[in-house]
Each structure stands twice: as C-alpha cells, then as structure tokens.
Amino acid sequence: MSGLGVSGVILLIVVALLLFGPKKLPELGRAFGSTLREFKKGAREIMEDDDKQDRKDASRTEAREEQPRAQRLPD
C-alpha cells in the first residue's frame, strides 16, 4: 500500500460497505481469497514444471557430453 495512507484505507472500507453492504463483504472476501489461492497454485505449478524441464534438459546435455568420453579407447 505504497500510495494509500490510513485515511485512504478507511475511505475504501466505507465505500465498500456502502456499495455492497455488510452481508456481502464476507462473501466477496472469501471469493477473492479463493481466487488468489488458485492463481498462486497455478503459478507455482507452472514454475515447478519449468524447473523440471530445465533439469531434464540439463541431464540430457550432460549425458551427451559424457558419452564420447566413454567410447574412447585407452592408449
């Protein structure tokens, strides 16, 4: 909340109460919370998939680099 002070937050709460009423605010809060949770979960899964793919690519590259060394015959 870099641009909002205490008075700005209070003003937003009052406006939300006037617009939605006290009975709707908990429902909106729950909906917002579950949406945020799902978004974070999806972002985390995407990051984990990318990490797994990077590790898989790195292991393939290492295997290719080690393969020619193993095929050489000693002098």
N, C-alpha and C. Protein backbone atom coordinates (compact mmCIF):
# COMPACT_ATOMS: atom_id res chain seq x y z
N MET A 1 0.84 -1.18 0.00
CA MET A 1 0.00 0.00 0.00
C MET A 1 0.88 1.24 0.00
N SER A 2 1.64 1.40 -1.03
CA SER A 2 2.60 2.50 -1.06
C SER A 2 1.93 3.86 -1.20
N GLY A 3 0.87 3.94 -1.99
CA GLY A 3 0.24 5.24 -2.22
C GLY A 3 -0.93 5.52 -1.30
N LEU A 4 -1.38 4.54 -0.54
CA LEU A 4 -2.54 4.73 0.33
C LEU A 4 -2.09 4.87 1.77
N GLY A 5 -2.65 5.87 2.41
CA GLY A 5 -2.40 6.02 3.83
C GLY A 5 -3.53 5.38 4.62
N VAL A 6 -3.52 5.62 5.91
CA VAL A 6 -4.56 5.07 6.77
C VAL A 6 -5.92 5.64 6.39
N SER A 7 -5.96 6.93 6.11
CA SER A 7 -7.24 7.55 5.75
C SER A 7 -7.78 7.00 4.43
N GLY A 8 -6.90 6.69 3.49
CA GLY A 8 -7.32 6.11 2.21
C GLY A 8 -7.91 4.72 2.38
N VAL A 9 -7.31 3.93 3.25
CA VAL A 9 -7.81 2.58 3.50
C VAL A 9 -9.18 2.65 4.17
N ILE A 10 -9.32 3.54 5.13
CA ILE A 10 -10.61 3.71 5.82
C ILE A 10 -11.67 4.15 4.83
N LEU A 11 -11.32 5.06 3.94
CA LEU A 11 -12.27 5.53 2.93
C LEU A 11 -12.70 4.38 2.01
N LEU A 12 -11.75 3.53 1.61
CA LEU A 12 -12.10 2.38 0.76
C LEU A 12 -13.03 1.41 1.48
N ILE A 13 -12.80 1.18 2.75
CA ILE A 13 -13.66 0.29 3.52
C ILE A 13 -15.07 0.85 3.62
N VAL A 14 -15.18 2.15 3.87
CA VAL A 14 -16.50 2.78 3.97
C VAL A 14 -17.23 2.70 2.64
N VAL A 15 -16.54 2.97 1.55
CA VAL A 15 -17.17 2.90 0.22
C VAL A 15 -17.61 1.47 -0.08
N ALA A 16 -16.78 0.48 0.25
CA ALA A 16 -17.15 -0.92 0.02
C ALA A 16 -18.37 -1.29 0.84
N LEU A 17 -18.44 -0.83 2.08
CA LEU A 17 -19.62 -1.11 2.91
C LEU A 17 -20.87 -0.50 2.32
N LEU A 18 -20.75 0.72 1.80
CA LEU A 18 -21.91 1.38 1.20
C LEU A 18 -22.35 0.69 -0.08
N LEU A 19 -21.40 0.27 -0.89
CA LEU A 19 -21.74 -0.36 -2.17
C LEU A 19 -22.30 -1.77 -2.01
N PHE A 20 -21.67 -2.58 -1.20
CA PHE A 20 -22.03 -3.99 -1.13
C PHE A 20 -22.83 -4.37 0.10
N GLY A 21 -22.76 -3.59 1.12
CA GLY A 21 -23.47 -3.92 2.36
C GLY A 21 -22.66 -4.87 3.23
N PRO A 22 -22.94 -4.87 4.51
CA PRO A 22 -22.14 -5.69 5.43
C PRO A 22 -22.34 -7.20 5.25
N LYS A 23 -23.44 -7.63 4.66
CA LYS A 23 -23.67 -9.06 4.48
C LYS A 23 -22.89 -9.62 3.30
N LYS A 24 -22.65 -8.81 2.28
CA LYS A 24 -21.98 -9.27 1.07
C LYS A 24 -20.46 -9.26 1.21
N LEU A 25 -19.91 -8.41 2.06
CA LEU A 25 -18.45 -8.27 2.14
C LEU A 25 -17.74 -9.58 2.51
N PRO A 26 -18.22 -10.35 3.49
CA PRO A 26 -17.52 -11.62 3.76
C PRO A 26 -17.53 -12.58 2.57
N GLU A 27 -18.62 -12.61 1.83
CA GLU A 27 -18.68 -13.46 0.64
C GLU A 27 -17.68 -13.00 -0.41
N LEU A 28 -17.58 -11.69 -0.60
CA LEU A 28 -16.63 -11.16 -1.57
C LEU A 28 -15.19 -11.44 -1.13
N GLY A 29 -14.94 -11.32 0.16
CA GLY A 29 -13.61 -11.62 0.69
C GLY A 29 -13.23 -13.07 0.47
N ARG A 30 -14.16 -13.98 0.73
CA ARG A 30 -13.89 -15.41 0.51
C ARG A 30 -13.64 -15.69 -0.97
N ALA A 31 -14.45 -15.09 -1.84
CA ALA A 31 -14.28 -15.31 -3.27
C ALA A 31 -12.92 -14.78 -3.74
N PHE A 32 -12.55 -13.61 -3.25
CA PHE A 32 -11.26 -13.03 -3.62
C PHE A 32 -10.12 -13.91 -3.10
N GLY A 33 -10.25 -14.38 -1.87
CA GLY A 33 -9.22 -15.24 -1.29
C GLY A 33 -9.04 -16.54 -2.05
N SER A 34 -10.15 -17.18 -2.41
CA SER A 34 -10.04 -18.44 -3.15
C SER A 34 -9.48 -18.22 -4.55
N THR A 35 -9.85 -17.11 -5.18
CA THR A 35 -9.30 -16.78 -6.49
C THR A 35 -7.80 -16.57 -6.41
N LEU A 36 -7.36 -15.83 -5.40
CA LEU A 36 -5.94 -15.57 -5.21
C LEU A 36 -5.18 -16.87 -4.93
N ARG A 37 -5.76 -17.75 -4.13
CA ARG A 37 -5.15 -19.04 -3.82
C ARG A 37 -4.98 -19.88 -5.08
N GLU A 38 -6.01 -19.93 -5.91
CA GLU A 38 -5.94 -20.71 -7.16
C GLU A 38 -4.89 -20.13 -8.10
N PHE A 39 -4.80 -18.81 -8.17
CA PHE A 39 -3.82 -18.16 -9.02
C PHE A 39 -2.40 -18.51 -8.57
N LYS A 40 -2.16 -18.44 -7.27
CA LYS A 40 -0.84 -18.77 -6.74
C LYS A 40 -0.50 -20.23 -6.99
N LYS A 41 -1.49 -21.11 -6.83
CA LYS A 41 -1.27 -22.54 -7.06
C LYS A 41 -0.90 -22.80 -8.51
N GLY A 42 -1.62 -22.16 -9.43
CA GLY A 42 -1.31 -22.32 -10.85
C GLY A 42 0.06 -21.78 -11.21
N ALA A 43 0.41 -20.63 -10.66
CA ALA A 43 1.73 -20.06 -10.93
C ALA A 43 2.83 -20.95 -10.38
N ARG A 44 2.63 -21.51 -9.20
CA ARG A 44 3.62 -22.41 -8.59
C ARG A 44 3.79 -23.66 -9.45
N GLU A 45 2.68 -24.22 -9.96
CA GLU A 45 2.76 -25.41 -10.80
C GLU A 45 3.51 -25.14 -12.09
N ILE A 46 3.28 -23.98 -12.67
CA ILE A 46 3.98 -23.62 -13.90
C ILE A 46 5.48 -23.50 -13.64
N MET A 47 5.84 -22.85 -12.53
CA MET A 47 7.26 -22.70 -12.20
C MET A 47 7.90 -24.06 -11.94
N GLU A 48 7.21 -24.96 -11.25
CA GLU A 48 7.75 -26.30 -10.99
C GLU A 48 7.91 -27.09 -12.29
N ASP A 49 6.96 -26.97 -13.20
CA ASP A 49 7.07 -27.66 -14.48
C ASP A 49 8.27 -27.15 -15.27
N ASP A 50 8.49 -25.83 -15.25
CA ASP A 50 9.65 -25.26 -15.94
C ASP A 50 10.95 -25.75 -15.32
N ASP A 51 11.00 -25.81 -13.99
CA ASP A 51 12.21 -26.30 -13.31
C ASP A 51 12.48 -27.75 -13.66
N LYS A 52 11.43 -28.58 -13.68
CA LYS A 52 11.60 -29.99 -14.02
C LYS A 52 12.12 -30.13 -15.45
N GLN A 53 11.58 -29.33 -16.36
CA GLN A 53 12.01 -29.40 -17.76
C GLN A 53 13.46 -28.96 -17.89
N ASP A 54 13.85 -27.90 -17.16
CA ASP A 54 15.23 -27.44 -17.21
C ASP A 54 16.19 -28.51 -16.69
N ARG A 55 15.82 -29.17 -15.59
CA ARG A 55 16.67 -30.23 -15.04
C ARG A 55 16.78 -31.40 -16.01
N LYS A 56 15.67 -31.72 -16.67
CA LYS A 56 15.66 -32.83 -17.63
C LYS A 56 16.56 -32.51 -18.82
N ASP A 57 16.48 -31.26 -19.32
CA ASP A 57 17.32 -30.85 -20.43
C ASP A 57 18.79 -30.85 -20.03
N ALA A 58 19.09 -30.40 -18.82
CA ALA A 58 20.48 -30.37 -18.35
C ALA A 58 21.05 -31.77 -18.23
N SER A 59 20.26 -32.71 -17.74
CA SER A 59 20.76 -34.09 -17.61
C SER A 59 20.99 -34.72 -18.98
N ARG A 60 20.17 -34.39 -19.94
CA ARG A 60 20.37 -34.92 -21.30
C ARG A 60 21.65 -34.36 -21.90
N THR A 61 21.91 -33.08 -21.68
CA THR A 61 23.11 -32.45 -22.20
C THR A 61 24.35 -33.07 -21.56
N GLU A 62 24.31 -33.29 -20.25
CA GLU A 62 25.44 -33.92 -19.57
C GLU A 62 25.66 -35.34 -20.08
N ALA A 63 24.60 -36.06 -20.33
CA ALA A 63 24.73 -37.44 -20.83
C ALA A 63 25.37 -37.45 -22.21
N ARG A 64 25.02 -36.49 -23.05
CA ARG A 64 25.60 -36.41 -24.39
C ARG A 64 27.08 -36.06 -24.31
N GLU A 65 27.45 -35.18 -23.39
CA GLU A 65 28.85 -34.78 -23.26
C GLU A 65 29.71 -35.92 -22.73
N GLU A 66 29.16 -36.74 -21.86
CA GLU A 66 29.92 -37.84 -21.27
C GLU A 66 30.01 -39.05 -22.20
N GLN A 67 29.10 -39.20 -23.11
CA GLN A 67 29.06 -40.37 -23.97
C GLN A 67 30.32 -40.51 -24.84
N PRO A 68 30.80 -39.49 -25.53
CA PRO A 68 32.00 -39.68 -26.36
C PRO A 68 33.23 -40.05 -25.53
N ARG A 69 33.36 -39.55 -24.32
CA ARG A 69 34.50 -39.89 -23.47
C ARG A 69 34.49 -41.37 -23.14
N ALA A 70 33.35 -41.94 -22.91
CA ALA A 70 33.26 -43.35 -22.54
C ALA A 70 33.59 -44.26 -23.72
N GLN A 71 33.41 -43.80 -24.93
CA GLN A 71 33.66 -44.63 -26.11
C GLN A 71 35.12 -44.63 -26.52
N ARG A 72 35.91 -43.70 -26.01
CA ARG A 72 37.33 -43.66 -26.37
C ARG A 72 38.06 -44.87 -25.80
N LEU A 73 38.99 -45.37 -26.57
CA LEU A 73 39.81 -46.48 -26.11
C LEU A 73 41.09 -45.92 -25.48
N PRO A 74 41.56 -46.55 -24.42
CA PRO A 74 42.80 -46.06 -23.80
C PRO A 74 43.99 -46.30 -24.73
N ASP A 75 44.98 -45.42 -24.63
CA ASP A 75 46.18 -45.53 -25.48
C ASP A 75 47.11 -46.60 -25.01
